[in-house]
N, C-alpha and C. Protein backbone atom coordinates (compact mmCIF):
# COMPACT_ATOMS: atom_id res chain seq x y z
N MET A 1 -31.15 -15.13 -56.00
CA MET A 1 -30.01 -15.80 -55.41
C MET A 1 -29.83 -17.11 -56.15
N THR A 2 -28.71 -17.27 -56.81
CA THR A 2 -28.54 -18.44 -57.64
C THR A 2 -27.60 -19.48 -57.08
N GLY A 3 -26.53 -19.04 -56.41
CA GLY A 3 -25.54 -20.02 -56.01
C GLY A 3 -25.39 -20.27 -54.54
N GLY A 4 -25.85 -19.41 -53.71
CA GLY A 4 -25.69 -19.59 -52.27
C GLY A 4 -24.35 -19.10 -51.76
N GLU A 5 -23.47 -18.65 -52.69
CA GLU A 5 -22.16 -18.18 -52.26
C GLU A 5 -22.26 -16.90 -51.44
N ASP A 6 -23.29 -16.09 -51.69
CA ASP A 6 -23.43 -14.82 -50.99
C ASP A 6 -24.12 -14.97 -49.64
N LEU A 7 -24.51 -16.18 -49.28
CA LEU A 7 -25.12 -16.43 -47.99
C LEU A 7 -24.03 -16.71 -46.96
N THR A 8 -23.89 -15.83 -46.01
CA THR A 8 -22.91 -16.08 -44.96
C THR A 8 -23.42 -17.18 -44.04
N THR A 9 -22.50 -17.80 -43.35
CA THR A 9 -22.89 -18.81 -42.36
C THR A 9 -23.80 -18.18 -41.31
N ALA A 10 -23.48 -16.96 -40.92
CA ALA A 10 -24.31 -16.27 -39.92
C ALA A 10 -25.73 -16.08 -40.44
N ALA A 11 -25.88 -15.72 -41.71
CA ALA A 11 -27.22 -15.54 -42.29
C ALA A 11 -27.98 -16.85 -42.31
N ARG A 12 -27.29 -17.92 -42.59
CA ARG A 12 -27.94 -19.24 -42.61
C ARG A 12 -28.37 -19.65 -41.19
N ILE A 13 -27.50 -19.41 -40.21
CA ILE A 13 -27.84 -19.74 -38.82
C ILE A 13 -29.02 -18.89 -38.38
N ASP A 14 -29.01 -17.62 -38.74
CA ASP A 14 -30.13 -16.75 -38.38
C ASP A 14 -31.42 -17.25 -39.02
N ARG A 15 -31.35 -17.74 -40.26
CA ARG A 15 -32.53 -18.28 -40.93
C ARG A 15 -33.06 -19.48 -40.16
N LEU A 16 -32.19 -20.31 -39.62
CA LEU A 16 -32.64 -21.47 -38.83
C LEU A 16 -33.40 -21.02 -37.59
N PHE A 17 -32.84 -20.06 -36.88
CA PHE A 17 -33.53 -19.54 -35.69
C PHE A 17 -34.87 -18.91 -36.07
N ALA A 18 -34.90 -18.19 -37.19
CA ALA A 18 -36.12 -17.50 -37.61
C ALA A 18 -37.20 -18.47 -38.09
N THR A 19 -36.79 -19.63 -38.56
CA THR A 19 -37.75 -20.57 -39.14
C THR A 19 -38.31 -21.55 -38.14
N PHE A 20 -37.47 -22.09 -37.29
CA PHE A 20 -37.88 -23.22 -36.47
C PHE A 20 -38.39 -22.83 -35.09
N HIS A 21 -39.56 -22.24 -35.09
CA HIS A 21 -40.29 -21.98 -33.84
C HIS A 21 -41.76 -21.81 -34.20
N ALA A 22 -42.61 -22.03 -33.23
CA ALA A 22 -44.05 -21.88 -33.47
C ALA A 22 -44.38 -20.42 -33.73
N ARG A 23 -45.43 -20.20 -34.46
CA ARG A 23 -45.86 -18.84 -34.81
C ARG A 23 -46.06 -17.97 -33.58
N SER A 24 -46.60 -18.55 -32.54
CA SER A 24 -46.92 -17.78 -31.33
C SER A 24 -45.77 -17.75 -30.32
N GLU A 25 -44.65 -18.35 -30.67
CA GLU A 25 -43.52 -18.43 -29.76
C GLU A 25 -42.33 -17.64 -30.30
N PRO A 26 -41.46 -17.18 -29.41
CA PRO A 26 -40.24 -16.53 -29.89
C PRO A 26 -39.27 -17.57 -30.45
N ALA A 27 -38.26 -17.10 -31.13
CA ALA A 27 -37.21 -18.00 -31.63
C ALA A 27 -36.56 -18.71 -30.45
N GLN A 28 -36.00 -19.87 -30.72
CA GLN A 28 -35.30 -20.61 -29.67
C GLN A 28 -34.15 -19.76 -29.13
N SER A 29 -33.84 -19.97 -27.89
CA SER A 29 -32.74 -19.21 -27.28
C SER A 29 -31.41 -19.87 -27.61
N ALA A 30 -30.36 -19.08 -27.52
CA ALA A 30 -29.01 -19.61 -27.71
C ALA A 30 -28.73 -20.69 -26.67
N HIS A 31 -29.29 -20.52 -25.48
CA HIS A 31 -29.10 -21.50 -24.41
C HIS A 31 -29.69 -22.86 -24.80
N GLU A 32 -30.91 -22.86 -25.34
CA GLU A 32 -31.55 -24.11 -25.77
C GLU A 32 -30.72 -24.82 -26.83
N VAL A 33 -30.25 -24.05 -27.80
CA VAL A 33 -29.45 -24.63 -28.88
C VAL A 33 -28.12 -25.14 -28.34
N ALA A 34 -27.51 -24.40 -27.42
CA ALA A 34 -26.23 -24.80 -26.84
C ALA A 34 -26.36 -26.13 -26.09
N GLU A 35 -27.48 -26.33 -25.41
CA GLU A 35 -27.69 -27.59 -24.69
C GLU A 35 -27.68 -28.78 -25.64
N THR A 36 -28.38 -28.66 -26.77
CA THR A 36 -28.40 -29.74 -27.75
C THR A 36 -27.03 -29.95 -28.36
N MET A 37 -26.37 -28.85 -28.71
CA MET A 37 -25.04 -28.96 -29.30
C MET A 37 -24.07 -29.65 -28.33
N SER A 38 -24.17 -29.33 -27.05
CA SER A 38 -23.31 -29.96 -26.04
C SER A 38 -23.54 -31.46 -26.00
N ALA A 39 -24.79 -31.86 -26.04
CA ALA A 39 -25.12 -33.29 -26.01
C ALA A 39 -24.59 -34.00 -27.26
N VAL A 40 -24.75 -33.38 -28.41
CA VAL A 40 -24.29 -33.98 -29.66
C VAL A 40 -22.77 -34.07 -29.70
N LEU A 41 -22.11 -33.01 -29.27
CA LEU A 41 -20.65 -32.96 -29.34
C LEU A 41 -19.95 -33.69 -28.20
N GLY A 42 -20.67 -33.89 -27.10
CA GLY A 42 -20.05 -34.52 -25.94
C GLY A 42 -19.08 -33.60 -25.22
N ARG A 43 -19.27 -32.32 -25.42
CA ARG A 43 -18.45 -31.31 -24.73
C ARG A 43 -19.31 -30.08 -24.52
N PRO A 44 -18.98 -29.28 -23.53
CA PRO A 44 -19.83 -28.11 -23.26
C PRO A 44 -19.76 -27.06 -24.37
N VAL A 45 -20.91 -26.53 -24.70
CA VAL A 45 -21.03 -25.38 -25.60
C VAL A 45 -21.90 -24.39 -24.85
N ASP A 46 -21.42 -23.17 -24.69
CA ASP A 46 -22.22 -22.20 -23.96
C ASP A 46 -23.03 -21.33 -24.92
N ALA A 47 -24.02 -20.68 -24.36
CA ALA A 47 -24.92 -19.84 -25.16
C ALA A 47 -24.16 -18.72 -25.86
N ALA A 48 -23.12 -18.21 -25.22
CA ALA A 48 -22.33 -17.14 -25.84
C ALA A 48 -21.67 -17.61 -27.13
N ALA A 49 -21.25 -18.87 -27.17
CA ALA A 49 -20.64 -19.42 -28.38
C ALA A 49 -21.67 -19.49 -29.51
N VAL A 50 -22.89 -19.87 -29.18
CA VAL A 50 -23.96 -19.91 -30.18
C VAL A 50 -24.27 -18.50 -30.67
N THR A 51 -24.30 -17.56 -29.77
CA THR A 51 -24.55 -16.16 -30.13
C THR A 51 -23.46 -15.64 -31.07
N ARG A 52 -22.20 -16.00 -30.79
CA ARG A 52 -21.10 -15.58 -31.67
C ARG A 52 -21.23 -16.21 -33.05
N LEU A 53 -21.63 -17.47 -33.13
CA LEU A 53 -21.85 -18.12 -34.42
C LEU A 53 -22.94 -17.40 -35.20
N ARG A 54 -24.03 -17.13 -34.51
CA ARG A 54 -25.18 -16.48 -35.15
C ARG A 54 -24.84 -15.07 -35.62
N ALA A 55 -23.98 -14.37 -34.89
CA ALA A 55 -23.60 -13.00 -35.25
C ALA A 55 -22.47 -12.95 -36.28
N GLY A 56 -21.89 -14.10 -36.58
CA GLY A 56 -20.79 -14.14 -37.53
C GLY A 56 -19.46 -13.75 -36.93
N GLU A 57 -19.38 -13.71 -35.61
CA GLU A 57 -18.15 -13.34 -34.92
C GLU A 57 -17.21 -14.53 -34.76
N ASP A 58 -17.72 -15.73 -34.99
CA ASP A 58 -16.93 -16.95 -34.90
C ASP A 58 -17.38 -17.85 -36.04
N PRO A 59 -16.45 -18.28 -36.91
CA PRO A 59 -16.86 -19.11 -38.04
C PRO A 59 -17.29 -20.52 -37.64
N GLY A 60 -16.86 -20.97 -36.46
CA GLY A 60 -17.22 -22.30 -36.00
C GLY A 60 -16.46 -23.38 -36.73
N ASP A 61 -16.26 -24.50 -36.05
CA ASP A 61 -15.61 -25.63 -36.71
C ASP A 61 -16.68 -26.53 -37.30
N ALA A 62 -16.25 -27.46 -38.13
CA ALA A 62 -17.20 -28.34 -38.83
C ALA A 62 -18.08 -29.12 -37.86
N ALA A 63 -17.51 -29.59 -36.75
CA ALA A 63 -18.29 -30.37 -35.79
C ALA A 63 -19.35 -29.51 -35.13
N ALA A 64 -19.00 -28.29 -34.75
CA ALA A 64 -19.98 -27.40 -34.11
C ALA A 64 -21.10 -27.04 -35.09
N LEU A 65 -20.74 -26.76 -36.33
CA LEU A 65 -21.77 -26.44 -37.33
C LEU A 65 -22.67 -27.64 -37.60
N ALA A 66 -22.09 -28.84 -37.62
CA ALA A 66 -22.90 -30.04 -37.82
C ALA A 66 -23.86 -30.26 -36.65
N ALA A 67 -23.39 -30.00 -35.43
CA ALA A 67 -24.26 -30.13 -34.26
C ALA A 67 -25.38 -29.10 -34.29
N LEU A 68 -25.06 -27.91 -34.71
CA LEU A 68 -26.08 -26.86 -34.83
C LEU A 68 -27.12 -27.25 -35.89
N ALA A 69 -26.65 -27.72 -37.02
CA ALA A 69 -27.57 -28.16 -38.08
C ALA A 69 -28.45 -29.31 -37.59
N ARG A 70 -27.85 -30.23 -36.88
CA ARG A 70 -28.62 -31.36 -36.35
C ARG A 70 -29.72 -30.90 -35.40
N HIS A 71 -29.42 -29.91 -34.57
CA HIS A 71 -30.43 -29.38 -33.66
C HIS A 71 -31.67 -28.92 -34.43
N PHE A 72 -31.45 -28.27 -35.56
CA PHE A 72 -32.57 -27.75 -36.34
C PHE A 72 -33.10 -28.73 -37.39
N GLY A 73 -32.46 -29.88 -37.51
CA GLY A 73 -32.96 -30.91 -38.43
C GLY A 73 -32.67 -30.64 -39.89
N VAL A 74 -31.58 -29.95 -40.16
CA VAL A 74 -31.19 -29.71 -41.55
C VAL A 74 -29.84 -30.36 -41.79
N PRO A 75 -29.50 -30.62 -43.06
CA PRO A 75 -28.20 -31.21 -43.33
C PRO A 75 -27.07 -30.26 -42.95
N ALA A 76 -25.97 -30.81 -42.45
CA ALA A 76 -24.81 -29.99 -42.09
C ALA A 76 -24.31 -29.20 -43.29
N SER A 77 -24.49 -29.72 -44.48
CA SER A 77 -24.03 -29.05 -45.70
C SER A 77 -24.67 -27.67 -45.86
N TYR A 78 -25.83 -27.46 -45.27
CA TYR A 78 -26.47 -26.14 -45.34
C TYR A 78 -25.57 -25.08 -44.71
N LEU A 79 -24.83 -25.46 -43.68
CA LEU A 79 -23.97 -24.50 -42.98
C LEU A 79 -22.52 -24.53 -43.45
N THR A 80 -22.13 -25.60 -44.13
CA THR A 80 -20.71 -25.74 -44.48
C THR A 80 -20.42 -25.60 -45.97
N ASP A 81 -21.41 -25.78 -46.82
CA ASP A 81 -21.19 -25.75 -48.26
C ASP A 81 -21.77 -24.48 -48.88
N SER A 82 -21.63 -24.36 -50.18
CA SER A 82 -22.27 -23.29 -50.93
C SER A 82 -22.77 -23.88 -52.24
N GLY A 83 -23.49 -23.09 -52.97
CA GLY A 83 -23.98 -23.55 -54.26
C GLY A 83 -25.49 -23.55 -54.34
N PRO A 84 -26.01 -24.04 -55.45
CA PRO A 84 -27.45 -23.96 -55.69
C PRO A 84 -28.30 -24.75 -54.69
N GLU A 85 -27.80 -25.87 -54.20
CA GLU A 85 -28.58 -26.65 -53.23
C GLU A 85 -28.73 -25.89 -51.91
N VAL A 86 -27.68 -25.22 -51.51
CA VAL A 86 -27.74 -24.42 -50.29
C VAL A 86 -28.73 -23.27 -50.48
N ALA A 87 -28.64 -22.60 -51.62
CA ALA A 87 -29.56 -21.50 -51.91
C ALA A 87 -31.00 -21.98 -51.95
N ARG A 88 -31.23 -23.15 -52.53
CA ARG A 88 -32.59 -23.70 -52.60
C ARG A 88 -33.12 -24.01 -51.20
N LEU A 89 -32.29 -24.62 -50.38
CA LEU A 89 -32.73 -24.92 -49.01
C LEU A 89 -33.01 -23.63 -48.24
N HIS A 90 -32.17 -22.63 -48.44
CA HIS A 90 -32.38 -21.34 -47.77
C HIS A 90 -33.73 -20.75 -48.17
N ARG A 91 -34.04 -20.78 -49.46
CA ARG A 91 -35.31 -20.27 -49.95
C ARG A 91 -36.48 -21.10 -49.41
N THR A 92 -36.30 -22.40 -49.31
CA THR A 92 -37.35 -23.26 -48.78
C THR A 92 -37.60 -22.95 -47.31
N LEU A 93 -36.54 -22.70 -46.55
CA LEU A 93 -36.70 -22.32 -45.14
C LEU A 93 -37.42 -20.98 -45.03
N GLU A 94 -37.09 -20.06 -45.94
CA GLU A 94 -37.79 -18.77 -45.98
C GLU A 94 -39.27 -18.99 -46.23
N LEU A 95 -39.58 -19.87 -47.17
CA LEU A 95 -40.98 -20.19 -47.47
C LEU A 95 -41.67 -20.78 -46.25
N LEU A 96 -41.02 -21.71 -45.57
CA LEU A 96 -41.63 -22.31 -44.37
C LEU A 96 -41.96 -21.26 -43.32
N ALA A 97 -41.05 -20.33 -43.10
CA ALA A 97 -41.29 -19.27 -42.11
C ALA A 97 -42.45 -18.38 -42.55
N GLU A 98 -42.50 -18.03 -43.82
CA GLU A 98 -43.58 -17.18 -44.33
C GLU A 98 -44.93 -17.89 -44.21
N VAL A 99 -44.95 -19.17 -44.55
CA VAL A 99 -46.18 -19.95 -44.46
C VAL A 99 -46.63 -20.03 -43.01
N ARG A 100 -45.70 -20.30 -42.11
CA ARG A 100 -46.03 -20.35 -40.67
C ARG A 100 -46.60 -19.02 -40.21
N ASP A 101 -45.94 -17.92 -40.58
CA ASP A 101 -46.37 -16.60 -40.13
C ASP A 101 -47.72 -16.19 -40.72
N ALA A 102 -48.05 -16.75 -41.88
CA ALA A 102 -49.34 -16.47 -42.50
C ALA A 102 -50.46 -17.32 -41.89
N GLY A 103 -50.09 -18.23 -41.00
CA GLY A 103 -51.10 -19.06 -40.34
C GLY A 103 -51.53 -20.27 -41.16
N VAL A 104 -50.79 -20.59 -42.20
CA VAL A 104 -51.12 -21.77 -43.02
C VAL A 104 -50.82 -23.01 -42.20
N ARG A 105 -51.77 -23.92 -42.17
CA ARG A 105 -51.59 -25.13 -41.38
C ARG A 105 -51.09 -26.29 -42.21
N ARG A 106 -51.42 -26.30 -43.49
CA ARG A 106 -50.97 -27.37 -44.38
C ARG A 106 -50.61 -26.78 -45.73
N LEU A 107 -49.57 -27.33 -46.31
CA LEU A 107 -49.15 -26.90 -47.63
C LEU A 107 -48.57 -28.11 -48.33
N ALA A 108 -49.07 -28.42 -49.50
CA ALA A 108 -48.56 -29.54 -50.28
C ALA A 108 -48.09 -29.02 -51.63
N LEU A 109 -46.81 -29.14 -51.88
CA LEU A 109 -46.25 -28.77 -53.18
C LEU A 109 -46.10 -30.08 -53.95
N ARG A 110 -46.99 -30.29 -54.89
CA ARG A 110 -47.02 -31.56 -55.60
C ARG A 110 -46.50 -31.40 -57.01
N GLY A 111 -46.04 -32.50 -57.53
CA GLY A 111 -45.62 -32.51 -58.93
C GLY A 111 -44.14 -32.29 -59.12
N THR A 112 -43.44 -31.93 -58.07
CA THR A 112 -42.00 -31.74 -58.17
C THR A 112 -41.37 -32.16 -56.85
N PRO A 113 -40.29 -32.95 -56.91
CA PRO A 113 -39.69 -33.39 -55.66
C PRO A 113 -39.13 -32.24 -54.82
N GLU A 114 -38.60 -31.22 -55.47
CA GLU A 114 -38.10 -30.04 -54.78
C GLU A 114 -38.61 -28.82 -55.51
N PRO A 115 -39.19 -27.87 -54.81
CA PRO A 115 -39.67 -26.68 -55.50
C PRO A 115 -38.53 -25.90 -56.13
N ASP A 116 -38.74 -25.46 -57.38
CA ASP A 116 -37.70 -24.67 -58.02
C ASP A 116 -37.89 -23.20 -57.66
N ASP A 117 -36.96 -22.36 -58.12
CA ASP A 117 -37.00 -20.94 -57.75
C ASP A 117 -38.28 -20.25 -58.19
N ALA A 118 -38.82 -20.61 -59.36
CA ALA A 118 -40.04 -19.97 -59.85
C ALA A 118 -41.21 -20.27 -58.91
N ILE A 119 -41.31 -21.51 -58.45
CA ILE A 119 -42.39 -21.88 -57.54
C ILE A 119 -42.23 -21.13 -56.22
N LEU A 120 -41.01 -21.12 -55.70
CA LEU A 120 -40.77 -20.42 -54.43
C LEU A 120 -41.08 -18.93 -54.56
N ASP A 121 -40.65 -18.31 -55.67
CA ASP A 121 -40.94 -16.89 -55.89
C ASP A 121 -42.44 -16.64 -55.94
N THR A 122 -43.17 -17.51 -56.63
CA THR A 122 -44.62 -17.35 -56.74
C THR A 122 -45.29 -17.45 -55.38
N VAL A 123 -44.96 -18.48 -54.62
CA VAL A 123 -45.59 -18.67 -53.31
C VAL A 123 -45.22 -17.54 -52.36
N LEU A 124 -43.95 -17.13 -52.36
CA LEU A 124 -43.54 -16.01 -51.50
C LEU A 124 -44.23 -14.72 -51.91
N GLY A 125 -44.43 -14.52 -53.21
CA GLY A 125 -45.16 -13.34 -53.68
C GLY A 125 -46.60 -13.33 -53.21
N ILE A 126 -47.24 -14.49 -53.27
CA ILE A 126 -48.63 -14.61 -52.80
C ILE A 126 -48.70 -14.30 -51.31
N LEU A 127 -47.77 -14.86 -50.55
CA LEU A 127 -47.77 -14.61 -49.12
C LEU A 127 -47.51 -13.14 -48.79
N ALA A 128 -46.68 -12.48 -49.57
CA ALA A 128 -46.43 -11.05 -49.37
C ALA A 128 -47.71 -10.26 -49.63
N GLU A 129 -48.47 -10.66 -50.66
CA GLU A 129 -49.74 -9.98 -50.94
C GLU A 129 -50.75 -10.20 -49.81
N VAL A 130 -50.77 -11.40 -49.26
CA VAL A 130 -51.66 -11.69 -48.13
C VAL A 130 -51.27 -10.82 -46.94
N ASP A 131 -49.96 -10.73 -46.66
CA ASP A 131 -49.50 -9.87 -45.55
C ASP A 131 -49.90 -8.43 -45.77
N ALA A 132 -49.74 -7.92 -47.00
CA ALA A 132 -50.08 -6.54 -47.30
C ALA A 132 -51.58 -6.30 -47.13
N ALA A 133 -52.40 -7.26 -47.58
CA ALA A 133 -53.84 -7.13 -47.42
C ALA A 133 -54.24 -7.14 -45.95
N ASP A 134 -53.60 -8.01 -45.17
CA ASP A 134 -53.88 -8.06 -43.73
C ASP A 134 -53.49 -6.75 -43.05
N ALA A 135 -52.35 -6.19 -43.42
CA ALA A 135 -51.90 -4.93 -42.84
C ALA A 135 -52.85 -3.81 -43.19
N LYS A 136 -53.32 -3.82 -44.43
CA LYS A 136 -54.27 -2.79 -44.88
C LYS A 136 -55.58 -2.90 -44.11
N ARG A 137 -56.04 -4.12 -43.92
CA ARG A 137 -57.28 -4.35 -43.17
C ARG A 137 -57.12 -3.91 -41.71
N SER A 138 -55.99 -4.21 -41.14
CA SER A 138 -55.73 -3.85 -39.74
C SER A 138 -55.67 -2.34 -39.55
N ALA A 139 -55.17 -1.65 -40.57
CA ALA A 139 -55.05 -0.19 -40.50
C ALA A 139 -56.39 0.52 -40.66
N SER A 140 -57.34 -0.18 -41.22
CA SER A 140 -58.66 0.42 -41.46
C SER A 140 -59.49 0.49 -40.23
């Protein structure tokens, strides 16, 4: 993925839900997110509206997308823009979720202010191998 143009807003929102929860906990509910969005926007947002955003049934306005991004602690541009920076953030969120699911407690990527695609591919590949080894061990 090079430009982020092929990432739908719904896919990005889904990535946020998939990333930002504890390993032992389910993803945040649409209700929880709607409460924060309501507070940020100063107007009611119901869980059904969040569900429609996540499913891609409603494109959402810039203010709603910014409130959603704020809830998850990411820049609003992740949901409103496209391009390589969006793709990089999406890959970084994918890495965070994989690291969390692998039970990693600390990870320091040093030597580069932002991990490039090669680093992300390498780390994700390693985590996939760890998952495969764990599955094989569990099946034995």
